[in-house]
Amino acid sequence: MGTRSLGERISDAAEVDPRPMIAVGPGRTEEPDPGLYGPDSEAWRLNREAMLLLGAGPRALLLQLAHPAVAAGVNDHSDFRADPWRRLAGTLRSYLTIVYGSTAAARAEIRRLNTLHRDITGPGYAARDPVLSLWVHATLVDSTIAVADAWLQPLSRDRRAAYYLETRPVGRAFGVPDSLLPADVDAFDAYVASMLGPGGDVRVSPIARELAWSVLHPPLAPLAPWLAGVPSELYAWTLWPSIGLLPKTVRDAYELSWGVRERLVSAWLVTSWRAWRPLLPASFRQMPKALAADRRMRENPGR
């Protein structure tokens, strides 16, 4: 993977021009591009299971919207209520491109997001505000850890610490200065707790509750027009496990039900996934971008 550290590879992501893999002779290419992380990273290990990310995505979105400024920005600058899938799909696509994409693709995606967010401003918020960027970044990190802990296996302290340190350069690439980024996983946990605790910036607003309904009862028409008439009650229960992963204070502030019915259905869904997981081929249960990255590295194993 070369001698450059993960931090060095990511910290200049928004400035360095992307370059494709260069042919160096007949039938030969440079060593395979591990991207900004590579197969030895915790990020590659933790983000490949589709089920885990489908749980982490809605949880992260709900935590983001629980910040009043984020909810206001989403409400003013998107068609979130009509098509929440677009934001979730876009968030996952961007995140997975940064984690699993080639160096060029990851850098280009970081630059694209920074450019996109530059003009998203309004009363009391700006998408490029480092304080807001840190919270959005933290929800993705925290949700990845929470879902892996609850649905796959509890992560050891060393793995949690390593994964968090891998995410710090991405936070810097999105404009969060070192002075704001928690230095290690303990500081990160303390930051999240302070945001969620009494006096913290996270306060679920009426707008957030309206947007949360769209997250948890997404219309199916954007996926396929013939599904437009399907009542959300017939499929909303598939998102109950994500509700269960929310901090209790946030779940209560959203006024989300979490009774015996929701708990039993969520436990059944997660238990079923765990039972089926060893029997399903990787091509079915893992994210396409992760599988593409594996293929990219196999093309020339002499890395």
C-alpha atoms as a PDB file:
ATOM      1  CA  MET A   1       0.000   0.000   0.000  1.00  0.00           C
ATOM      2  CA  GLY A   2       3.017   2.285  -0.022  1.00  0.00           C
ATOM      3  CA  THR A   3       4.506   4.206   2.855  1.00  0.00           C
ATOM      4  CA  ARG A   4       1.902   6.952   3.202  1.00  0.00           C
ATOM      5  CA  SER A   5      -0.278   6.691   6.275  1.00  0.00           C
ATOM      6  CA  LEU A   6      -4.058   6.640   6.156  1.00  0.00           C
ATOM      7  CA  GLY A   7      -4.156  10.199   7.472  1.00  0.00           C
ATOM      8  CA  GLU A   8      -1.747  11.412   4.797  1.00  0.00           C
ATOM      9  CA  ARG A   9      -3.741   9.703   2.044  1.00  0.00           C
ATOM     10  CA  ILE A  10      -7.032  11.275   3.158  1.00  0.00           C
ATOM     11  CA  SER A  11      -6.002  14.661   4.508  1.00  0.00           C
ATOM     12  CA  ASP A  12      -5.199  16.018   1.056  1.00  0.00           C
ATOM     13  CA  ALA A  13      -8.213  14.325  -0.544  1.00  0.00           C
ATOM     14  CA  ALA A  14      -9.907  17.545  -1.534  1.00  0.00           C
ATOM     15  CA  GLU A  15      -6.813  19.084  -3.123  1.00  0.00           C
ATOM     16  CA  VAL A  16      -5.036  16.362  -5.115  1.00  0.00           C
ATOM     17  CA  ASP A  17      -6.206  15.734  -8.668  1.00  0.00           C
ATOM     18  CA  PRO A  18      -7.531  12.226  -9.240  1.00  0.00           C
ATOM     19  CA  ARG A  19      -5.382   9.988 -11.464  1.00  0.00           C
ATOM     20  CA  PRO A  20      -6.426   6.602 -12.853  1.00  0.00           C
ATOM     21  CA  MET A  21      -4.279   3.494 -12.629  1.00  0.00           C
ATOM     22  CA  ILE A  22      -1.511   3.895 -15.228  1.00  0.00           C
ATOM     23  CA  ALA A  23      -0.412   1.119 -17.565  1.00  0.00           C
ATOM     24  CA  VAL A  24       3.356   0.547 -17.266  1.00  0.00           C
ATOM     25  CA  GLY A  25       3.871  -2.065 -19.958  1.00  0.00           C
ATOM     26  CA  PRO A  26       2.159  -4.706 -22.060  1.00  0.00           C
ATOM     27  CA  GLY A  27      -0.263  -6.564 -19.819  1.00  0.00           C
ATOM     28  CA  ARG A  28       1.112  -4.836 -16.718  1.00  0.00           C
ATOM     29  CA  THR A  29      -0.275  -2.143 -14.471  1.00  0.00           C
ATOM     30  CA  GLU A  30       0.794  -0.430 -11.313  1.00  0.00           C
ATOM     31  CA  GLU A  31       0.042  -2.134  -8.015  1.00  0.00           C
ATOM     32  CA  PRO A  32      -3.702  -2.271  -7.251  1.00  0.00           C
ATOM     33  CA  ASP A  33      -5.115   0.867  -5.717  1.00  0.00           C
ATOM     34  CA  PRO A  34      -6.298   0.261  -2.124  1.00  0.00           C
ATOM     35  CA  GLY A  35      -8.054   3.615  -2.037  1.00  0.00           C
ATOM     36  CA  LEU A  36      -7.953   5.716   1.096  1.00  0.00           C
ATOM     37  CA  TYR A  37      -8.399   2.769   3.476  1.00  0.00           C
ATOM     38  CA  GLY A  38      -7.505  -0.608   2.001  1.00  0.00           C
ATOM     39  CA  PRO A  39      -8.303  -4.218   2.943  1.00  0.00           C
ATOM     40  CA  ASP A  40      -6.371  -4.122   6.225  1.00  0.00           C
ATOM     41  CA  SER A  41      -8.582  -1.356   7.646  1.00  0.00           C
ATOM     42  CA  GLU A  42     -11.458  -1.734  10.086  1.00  0.00           C
ATOM     43  CA  ALA A  43     -13.522   0.399   7.732  1.00  0.00           C
ATOM     44  CA  TRP A  44     -13.323  -2.303   5.052  1.00  0.00           C
ATOM     45  CA  ARG A  45     -14.279  -4.973   7.584  1.00  0.00           C
ATOM     46  CA  LEU A  46     -17.200  -3.137   9.189  1.00  0.00           C
ATOM     47  CA  ASN A  47     -18.985  -1.552   6.252  1.00  0.00           C
ATOM     48  CA  ARG A  48     -19.436  -4.428   3.821  1.00  0.00           C
ATOM     49  CA  GLU A  49     -22.514  -6.163   5.273  1.00  0.00           C
ATOM     50  CA  ALA A  50     -25.612  -4.778   3.544  1.00  0.00           C
ATOM     51  CA  MET A  51     -27.867  -5.525   6.501  1.00  0.00           C
ATOM     52  CA  LEU A  52     -25.626  -3.605   8.882  1.00  0.00           C
ATOM     53  CA  LEU A  53     -25.554  -0.518   6.680  1.00  0.00           C
ATOM     54  CA  LEU A  54     -29.301  -0.653   6.118  1.00  0.00           C
ATOM     55  CA  GLY A  55     -29.621  -0.453   9.890  1.00  0.00           C
ATOM     56  CA  ALA A  56     -26.940   2.188  10.336  1.00  0.00           C
ATOM     57  CA  GLY A  57     -28.303   4.417   7.562  1.00  0.00           C
ATOM     58  CA  PRO A  58     -31.750   5.163   9.054  1.00  0.00           C
ATOM     59  CA  ARG A  59     -30.270   5.438  12.555  1.00  0.00           C
ATOM     60  CA  ALA A  60     -27.679   7.959  11.382  1.00  0.00           C
ATOM     61  CA  LEU A  61     -30.309   9.955   9.491  1.00  0.00           C
ATOM     62  CA  LEU A  62     -32.549  10.168  12.550  1.00  0.00           C
ATOM     63  CA  LEU A  63     -29.635  11.281  14.712  1.00  0.00           C
ATOM     64  CA  GLN A  64     -28.677  13.913  12.138  1.00  0.00           C
ATOM     65  CA  LEU A  65     -32.223  15.251  11.956  1.00  0.00           C
ATOM     66  CA  ALA A  66     -32.340  15.399  15.743  1.00  0.00           C
ATOM     67  CA  HIS A  67     -30.040  18.419  15.463  1.00  0.00           C
ATOM     68  CA  PRO A  68     -32.389  21.378  14.785  1.00  0.00           C
ATOM     69  CA  ALA A  69     -30.021  23.051  12.326  1.00  0.00           C
ATOM     70  CA  VAL A  70     -29.609  19.862  10.270  1.00  0.00           C
ATOM     71  CA  ALA A  71     -33.374  19.300  10.219  1.00  0.00           C
ATOM     72  CA  ALA A  72     -33.926  22.883   9.037  1.00  0.00           C
ATOM     73  CA  GLY A  73     -31.365  22.502   6.264  1.00  0.00           C
ATOM     74  CA  VAL A  74     -32.863  19.226   5.037  1.00  0.00           C
ATOM     75  CA  ASN A  75     -36.360  20.698   5.193  1.00  0.00           C
ATOM     76  CA  ASP A  76     -35.408  23.814   3.225  1.00  0.00           C
ATOM     77  CA  HIS A  77     -33.118  22.312   0.592  1.00  0.00           C
ATOM     78  CA  SER A  78     -34.458  18.880  -0.332  1.00  0.00           C
ATOM     79  CA  ASP A  79     -37.559  16.924  -1.349  1.00  0.00           C
ATOM     80  CA  PHE A  80     -36.973  14.630   1.613  1.00  0.00           C
ATOM     81  CA  ARG A  81     -40.656  13.973   2.374  1.00  0.00           C
ATOM     82  CA  ALA A  82     -41.412  12.867  -1.180  1.00  0.00           C
ATOM     83  CA  ASP A  83     -38.253  10.812  -1.650  1.00  0.00           C
ATOM     84  CA  PRO A  84     -36.282  10.021   1.525  1.00  0.00           C
ATOM     85  CA  TRP A  85     -34.707   7.098  -0.347  1.00  0.00           C
ATOM     86  CA  ARG A  86     -32.654   9.573  -2.359  1.00  0.00           C
ATOM     87  CA  ARG A  87     -30.922  10.991   0.706  1.00  0.00           C
ATOM     88  CA  LEU A  88     -30.366   7.577   2.278  1.00  0.00           C
ATOM     89  CA  ALA A  89     -29.105   6.095  -0.984  1.00  0.00           C
ATOM     90  CA  GLY A  90     -26.958   9.153  -1.618  1.00  0.00           C
ATOM     91  CA  THR A  91     -25.482   9.031   1.885  1.00  0.00           C
ATOM     92  CA  LEU A  92     -24.638   5.340   1.557  1.00  0.00           C
ATOM     93  CA  ARG A  93     -23.263   5.742  -1.962  1.00  0.00           C
ATOM     94  CA  SER A  94     -20.982   8.590  -0.921  1.00  0.00           C
ATOM     95  CA  TYR A  95     -19.852   6.847   2.257  1.00  0.00           C
ATOM     96  CA  LEU A  96     -19.088   3.587   0.470  1.00  0.00           C
ATOM     97  CA  THR A  97     -17.269   5.368  -2.343  1.00  0.00           C
ATOM     98  CA  ILE A  98     -14.989   7.054   0.181  1.00  0.00           C
ATOM     99  CA  VAL A  99     -14.373   3.771   2.021  1.00  0.00           C
ATOM    100  CA  TYR A 100     -14.096   1.313  -0.879  1.00  0.00           C
ATOM    101  CA  GLY A 101     -13.511   3.417  -3.969  1.00  0.00           C
ATOM    102  CA  SER A 102     -10.188   3.932  -5.683  1.00  0.00           C
ATOM    103  CA  THR A 103      -8.095   6.831  -4.450  1.00  0.00           C
ATOM    104  CA  ALA A 104      -9.288   8.927  -7.395  1.00  0.00           C
ATOM    105  CA  ALA A 105     -12.948   8.078  -6.828  1.00  0.00           C
ATOM    106  CA  ALA A 106     -12.798   8.737  -3.092  1.00  0.00           C
ATOM    107  CA  ARG A 107     -11.058  12.078  -3.529  1.00  0.00           C
ATOM    108  CA  ALA A 108     -13.515  13.113  -6.241  1.00  0.00           C
ATOM    109  CA  GLU A 109     -16.462  12.218  -4.006  1.00  0.00           C
ATOM    110  CA  ILE A 110     -15.112  14.282  -1.105  1.00  0.00           C
ATOM    111  CA  ARG A 111     -14.635  17.271  -3.417  1.00  0.00           C
ATOM    112  CA  ARG A 112     -18.134  16.794  -4.869  1.00  0.00           C
ATOM    113  CA  LEU A 113     -19.753  16.755  -1.430  1.00  0.00           C
ATOM    114  CA  ASN A 114     -17.822  19.795  -0.282  1.00  0.00           C
ATOM    115  CA  THR A 115     -18.895  21.700  -3.401  1.00  0.00           C
ATOM    116  CA  LEU A 116     -22.506  20.540  -3.062  1.00  0.00           C
ATOM    117  CA  HIS A 117     -22.746  21.665   0.558  1.00  0.00           C
ATOM    118  CA  ARG A 118     -21.072  25.034   0.009  1.00  0.00           C
ATOM    119  CA  ASP A 119     -24.317  26.773  -0.996  1.00  0.00           C
ATOM    120  CA  ILE A 120     -26.634  25.079   1.520  1.00  0.00           C
ATOM    121  CA  THR A 121     -27.251  27.889   3.966  1.00  0.00           C
ATOM    122  CA  GLY A 122     -30.206  29.386   5.743  1.00  0.00           C
ATOM    123  CA  PRO A 123     -31.313  31.090   8.949  1.00  0.00           C
ATOM    124  CA  GLY A 124     -29.174  29.619  11.706  1.00  0.00           C
ATOM    125  CA  TYR A 125     -27.356  26.966   9.659  1.00  0.00           C
ATOM    126  CA  ALA A 126     -24.737  26.324   7.006  1.00  0.00           C
ATOM    127  CA  ALA A 127     -23.929  22.841   5.728  1.00  0.00           C
ATOM    128  CA  ARG A 128     -20.186  23.601   5.781  1.00  0.00           C
ATOM    129  CA  ASP A 129     -20.304  24.772   9.408  1.00  0.00           C
ATOM    130  CA  PRO A 130     -17.593  22.637  11.080  1.00  0.00           C
ATOM    131  CA  VAL A 131     -19.790  22.099  14.144  1.00  0.00           C
ATOM    132  CA  LEU A 132     -22.605  20.659  12.030  1.00  0.00           C
ATOM    133  CA  SER A 133     -20.170  18.715   9.849  1.00  0.00           C
ATOM    134  CA  LEU A 134     -18.744  17.105  12.962  1.00  0.00           C
ATOM    135  CA  TRP A 135     -22.190  15.982  14.146  1.00  0.00           C
ATOM    136  CA  VAL A 136     -23.126  14.498  10.762  1.00  0.00           C
ATOM    137  CA  HIS A 137     -19.753  12.744  10.619  1.00  0.00           C
ATOM    138  CA  ALA A 138     -20.179  11.474  14.191  1.00  0.00           C
ATOM    139  CA  THR A 139     -23.608   9.974  13.493  1.00  0.00           C
ATOM    140  CA  LEU A 140     -22.149   7.811  10.710  1.00  0.00           C
ATOM    141  CA  VAL A 141     -19.248   6.642  12.869  1.00  0.00           C
ATOM    142  CA  ASP A 142     -21.394   6.001  15.937  1.00  0.00           C
ATOM    143  CA  SER A 143     -24.099   4.193  13.963  1.00  0.00           C
ATOM    144  CA  THR A 144     -21.606   1.874  12.274  1.00  0.00           C
ATOM    145  CA  ILE A 145     -20.224   0.876  15.668  1.00  0.00           C
ATOM    146  CA  ALA A 146     -23.679   0.564  17.291  1.00  0.00           C
ATOM    147  CA  VAL A 147     -25.067  -1.697  14.562  1.00  0.00           C
ATOM    148  CA  ALA A 148     -21.982  -3.925  14.435  1.00  0.00           C
ATOM    149  CA  ASP A 149     -22.047  -4.254  18.235  1.00  0.00           C
ATOM    150  CA  ALA A 150     -25.733  -5.153  18.369  1.00  0.00           C
ATOM    151  CA  TRP A 151     -26.222  -7.238  15.236  1.00  0.00           C
ATOM    152  CA  LEU A 152     -22.877  -8.848  14.436  1.00  0.00           C
ATOM    153  CA  GLN A 153     -20.614  -9.105  17.460  1.00  0.00           C
ATOM    154  CA  PRO A 154     -19.462  -6.679  20.153  1.00  0.00           C
ATOM    155  CA  LEU A 155     -16.369  -4.854  18.962  1.00  0.00           C
ATOM    156  CA  SER A 156     -13.317  -5.023  21.167  1.00  0.00           C
ATOM    157  CA  ARG A 157     -11.960  -1.783  22.537  1.00  0.00           C
ATOM    158  CA  ASP A 158      -8.949  -2.052  20.220  1.00  0.00           C
ATOM    159  CA  ARG A 159     -11.148  -2.411  17.139  1.00  0.00           C
ATOM    160  CA  ARG A 160     -13.360   0.504  18.185  1.00  0.00           C
ATOM    161  CA  ALA A 161     -10.301   2.634  18.793  1.00  0.00           C
ATOM    162  CA  ALA A 162      -8.708   1.683  15.464  1.00  0.00           C
ATOM    163  CA  TYR A 163     -11.908   2.312  13.508  1.00  0.00           C
ATOM    164  CA  TYR A 164     -12.428   5.717  15.075  1.00  0.00           C
ATOM    165  CA  LEU A 165      -8.868   6.810  14.315  1.00  0.00           C
ATOM    166  CA  GLU A 166      -9.420   5.779  10.682  1.00  0.00           C
ATOM    167  CA  THR A 167     -12.397   8.140  10.470  1.00  0.00           C
ATOM    168  CA  ARG A 168     -10.610  11.249  11.759  1.00  0.00           C
ATOM    169  CA  PRO A 169      -8.898  12.110   8.439  1.00  0.00           C
ATOM    170  CA  VAL A 170     -12.286  11.940   6.678  1.00  0.00           C
ATOM    171  CA  GLY A 171     -13.666  14.417   9.195  1.00  0.00           C
ATOM    172  CA  ARG A 172     -10.760  16.740   8.410  1.00  0.00           C
ATOM    173  CA  ALA A 173     -11.365  16.340   4.676  1.00  0.00           C
ATOM    174  CA  PHE A 174     -14.926  17.565   5.244  1.00  0.00           C
ATOM    175  CA  GLY A 175     -13.702  20.706   6.931  1.00  0.00           C
ATOM    176  CA  VAL A 176     -13.709  19.730  10.612  1.00  0.00           C
ATOM    177  CA  PRO A 177     -10.508  21.115  12.176  1.00  0.00           C
ATOM    178  CA  ASP A 178      -8.361  19.084  14.537  1.00  0.00           C
ATOM    179  CA  SER A 179      -9.377  21.401  17.339  1.00  0.00           C
ATOM    180  CA  LEU A 180     -12.962  20.099  17.054  1.00  0.00           C
ATOM    181  CA  LEU A 181     -12.329  16.458  16.163  1.00  0.00           C
ATOM    182  CA  PRO A 182     -12.206  14.209  19.245  1.00  0.00           C
ATOM    183  CA  ALA A 183      -8.661  12.907  19.603  1.00  0.00           C
ATOM    184  CA  ASP A 184      -9.539   9.264  20.311  1.00  0.00           C
ATOM    185  CA  VAL A 185     -12.499   6.958  20.768  1.00  0.00           C
ATOM    186  CA  ASP A 186     -12.935   7.878  24.442  1.00  0.00           C
ATOM    187  CA  ALA A 187     -13.117  11.558  23.551  1.00  0.00           C
ATOM    188  CA  PHE A 188     -15.485  10.680  20.710  1.00  0.00           C
ATOM    189  CA  ASP A 189     -17.833   8.791  23.045  1.00  0.00           C
ATOM    190  CA  ALA A 190     -17.753  11.743  25.434  1.00  0.00           C
ATOM    191  CA  TYR A 191     -18.585  14.130  22.577  1.00  0.00           C
ATOM    192  CA  VAL A 192     -21.589  12.062  21.456  1.00  0.00           C
ATOM    193  CA  ALA A 193     -22.801  11.798  25.049  1.00  0.00           C
ATOM    194  CA  SER A 194     -22.517  15.563  25.504  1.00  0.00           C
ATOM    195  CA  MET A 195     -24.478  16.219  22.297  1.00  0.00           C
ATOM    196  CA  LEU A 196     -27.262  13.864  23.402  1.00  0.00           C
ATOM    197  CA  GLY A 197     -27.281  14.804  27.066  1.00  0.00           C
ATOM    198  CA  PRO A 198     -29.016  17.643  28.926  1.00  0.00           C
ATOM    199  CA  GLY A 199     -27.855  20.943  27.520  1.00  0.00           C
ATOM    200  CA  GLY A 200     -26.542  19.318  24.347  1.00  0.00           C
ATOM    201  CA  ASP A 201     -27.240  20.616  20.853  1.00  0.00           C
ATOM    202  CA  VAL A 202     -29.413  17.640  19.902  1.00  0.00           C
ATOM    203  CA  ARG A 203     -33.051  18.566  20.449  1.00  0.00           C
ATOM    204  CA  VAL A 204     -35.739  16.919  18.337  1.00  0.00           C
ATOM    205  CA  SER A 205     -37.833  19.658  16.732  1.00  0.00           C
ATOM    206  CA  PRO A 206     -41.349  19.417  15.262  1.00  0.00           C
ATOM    207  CA  ILE A 207     -39.755  19.572  11.799  1.00  0.00           C
ATOM    208  CA  ALA A 208     -37.502  16.639  12.725  1.00  0.00           C
ATOM    209  CA  ARG A 209     -40.538  14.587  13.815  1.00  0.00           C
ATOM    210  CA  GLU A 210     -42.214  15.245  10.474  1.00  0.00           C
ATOM    211  CA  LEU A 211     -39.078  14.248   8.574  1.00  0.00           C
ATOM    212  CA  ALA A 212     -38.622  11.161  10.758  1.00  0.00           C
ATOM    213  CA  TRP A 213     -42.012   9.902   9.600  1.00  0.00           C
ATOM    214  CA  SER A 214     -40.654   9.934   6.043  1.00  0.00           C
ATOM    215  CA  VAL A 215     -37.521   8.048   7.120  1.00  0.00           C
ATOM    216  CA  LEU A 216     -39.548   5.329   8.836  1.00  0.00           C
ATOM    217  CA  HIS A 217     -42.479   5.230   6.362  1.00  0.00           C
ATOM    218  CA  PRO A 218     -40.714   5.913   3.054  1.00  0.00           C
ATOM    219  CA  PRO A 219     -42.978   5.988  -0.013  1.00  0.00           C
ATOM    220  CA  LEU A 220     -42.209   3.180  -2.425  1.00  0.00           C
ATOM    221  CA  ALA A 221     -43.117   5.065  -5.601  1.00  0.00           C
ATOM    222  CA  PRO A 222     -39.561   6.406  -6.114  1.00  0.00           C
ATOM    223  CA  LEU A 223     -38.363   2.776  -6.171  1.00  0.00           C
ATOM    224  CA  ALA A 224     -41.044   1.570  -8.589  1.00  0.00           C
ATOM    225  CA  PRO A 225     -44.148   3.494  -9.730  1.00  0.00           C
ATOM    226  CA  TRP A 226     -46.353   0.386  -9.460  1.00  0.00           C
ATOM    227  CA  LEU A 227     -45.657   0.300  -5.697  1.00  0.00           C
ATOM    228  CA  ALA A 228     -47.157   3.754  -5.164  1.00  0.00           C
ATOM    229  CA  GLY A 229     -50.381   2.416  -3.675  1.00  0.00           C
ATOM    230  CA  VAL A 230     -48.772   0.119  -1.085  1.00  0.00           C
ATOM    231  CA  PRO A 231     -49.601   1.373   2.434  1.00  0.00           C
ATOM    232  CA  SER A 232     -46.521   2.096   4.518  1.00  0.00           C
ATOM    233  CA  GLU A 233     -47.952   0.010   7.370  1.00  0.00           C
ATOM    234  CA  LEU A 234     -47.224  -3.116   5.317  1.00  0.00           C
ATOM    235  CA  TYR A 235     -43.443  -2.576   5.325  1.00  0.00           C
ATOM    236  CA  ALA A 236     -42.577   0.049   7.968  1.00  0.00           C
ATOM    237  CA  TRP A 237     -41.985  -2.741  10.500  1.00  0.00           C
ATOM    238  CA  THR A 238     -38.805  -3.702   8.641  1.00  0.00           C
ATOM    239  CA  LEU A 239     -37.237  -0.491   9.968  1.00  0.00           C
ATOM    240  CA  TRP A 240     -38.126  -1.168  13.598  1.00  0.00           C
ATOM    241  CA  PRO A 241     -34.666  -2.617  14.370  1.00  0.00           C
ATOM    242  CA  SER A 242     -33.158   0.779  13.527  1.00  0.00           C
ATOM    243  CA  ILE A 243     -35.536   2.432  15.991  1.00  0.00           C
ATOM    244  CA  GLY A 244     -34.343   0.032  18.670  1.00  0.00           C
ATOM    245  CA  LEU A 245     -30.742   1.121  18.096  1.00  0.00           C
ATOM    246  CA  LEU A 246     -31.475   4.782  18.803  1.00  0.00           C
ATOM    247  CA  PRO A 247     -30.511   6.178  22.193  1.00  0.00           C
ATOM    248  CA  LYS A 248     -33.620   6.046  24.393  1.00  0.00           C
ATOM    249  CA  THR A 249     -33.674   9.807  24.887  1.00  0.00           C
ATOM    250  CA  VAL A 250     -33.744  10.396  21.127  1.00  0.00           C
ATOM    251  CA  ARG A 251     -36.342   7.687  20.531  1.00  0.00           C
ATOM    252  CA  ASP A 252     -38.574   9.193  23.207  1.00  0.00           C
ATOM    253  CA  ALA A 253     -38.083  12.712  21.840  1.00  0.00           C
ATOM    254  CA  TYR A 254     -39.235  11.492  18.431  1.00  0.00           C
ATOM    255  CA  GLU A 255     -42.259   9.934  20.187  1.00  0.00           C
ATOM    256  CA  LEU A 256     -41.556   6.582  18.554  1.00  0.00           C
ATOM    257  CA  SER A 257     -43.246   3.471  19.869  1.00  0.00           C
ATOM    258  CA  TRP A 258     -40.946   0.854  21.360  1.00  0.00           C
ATOM    259  CA  GLY A 259     -43.243  -1.582  23.110  1.00  0.00           C
ATOM    260  CA  VAL A 260     -43.481  -5.344  23.253  1.00  0.00           C
ATOM    261  CA  ARG A 261     -44.634  -5.652  19.626  1.00  0.00           C
ATOM    262  CA  GLU A 262     -41.761  -3.562  18.245  1.00  0.00           C
ATOM    263  CA  ARG A 263     -39.206  -5.354  20.406  1.00  0.00           C
ATOM    264  CA  LEU A 264     -40.390  -8.835  19.434  1.00  0.00           C
ATOM    265  CA  VAL A 265     -40.529  -8.080  15.714  1.00  0.00           C
ATOM    266  CA  SER A 266     -37.097  -6.434  15.796  1.00  0.00           C
ATOM    267  CA  ALA A 267     -35.576  -9.365  17.681  1.00  0.00           C
ATOM    268  CA  TRP A 268     -37.105 -11.795  15.174  1.00  0.00           C
ATOM    269  CA  LEU A 269     -35.721  -9.843  12.200  1.00  0.00           C
ATOM    270  CA  VAL A 270     -32.202  -9.628  13.622  1.00  0.00           C
ATOM    271  CA  THR A 271     -32.194 -13.272  14.756  1.00  0.00           C
ATOM    272  CA  SER A 272     -33.364 -14.384  11.311  1.00  0.00           C
ATOM    273  CA  TRP A 273     -30.622 -12.398   9.623  1.00  0.00           C
ATOM    274  CA  ARG A 274     -27.990 -13.899  11.912  1.00  0.00           C
ATOM    275  CA  ALA A 275     -29.260 -17.409  11.134  1.00  0.00           C
ATOM    276  CA  TRP A 276     -29.293 -16.857   7.376  1.00  0.00           C
ATOM    277  CA  ARG A 277     -26.056 -14.879   7.152  1.00  0.00           C
ATOM    278  CA  PRO A 278     -23.624 -17.863   7.117  1.00  0.00           C
ATOM    279  CA  LEU A 279     -25.704 -19.538   4.405  1.00  0.00           C
ATOM    280  CA  LEU A 280     -25.895 -16.582   2.031  1.00  0.00           C
ATOM    281  CA  PRO A 281     -23.144 -15.995  -0.546  1.00  0.00           C
ATOM    282  CA  ALA A 282     -21.077 -12.852  -0.157  1.00  0.00           C
ATOM    283  CA  SER A 283     -22.359 -11.650  -3.529  1.00  0.00           C
ATOM    284  CA  PHE A 284     -25.865 -11.485  -2.028  1.00  0.00           C
ATOM    285  CA  ARG A 285     -25.264 -10.058   1.452  1.00  0.00           C
ATOM    286  CA  GLN A 286     -22.296  -7.726   0.935  1.00  0.00           C
ATOM    287  CA  MET A 287     -22.291  -4.271  -0.603  1.00  0.00           C
ATOM    288  CA  PRO A 288     -21.429  -4.150  -4.333  1.00  0.00           C
ATOM    289  CA  LYS A 289     -18.805  -1.457  -3.762  1.00  0.00           C
ATOM    290  CA  ALA A 290     -17.055  -3.668  -1.206  1.00  0.00           C
ATOM    291  CA  LEU A 291     -17.058  -6.612  -3.610  1.00  0.00           C
ATOM    292  CA  ALA A 292     -15.757  -4.386  -6.417  1.00  0.00           C
ATOM    293  CA  ALA A 293     -12.925  -3.232  -4.157  1.00  0.00           C
ATOM    294  CA  ASP A 294     -12.051  -6.863  -3.398  1.00  0.00           C
ATOM    295  CA  ARG A 295     -11.883  -7.588  -7.124  1.00  0.00           C
ATOM    296  CA  ARG A 296      -9.727  -4.508  -7.687  1.00  0.00           C
ATOM    297  CA  MET A 297      -7.200  -5.755  -5.143  1.00  0.00           C
ATOM    298  CA  ARG A 298      -7.217  -9.333  -6.499  1.00  0.00           C
ATOM    299  CA  GLU A 299      -6.325  -8.200 -10.014  1.00  0.00           C
ATOM    300  CA  ASN A 300      -2.742  -7.749  -8.873  1.00  0.00           C
ATOM    301  CA  PRO A 301      -2.112  -9.287  -5.423  1.00  0.00           C
ATOM    302  CA  GLY A 302       1.442  -8.031  -5.307  1.00  0.00           C
ATOM    303  CA  ARG A 303       0.559  -4.941  -3.312  1.00  0.00           C
END
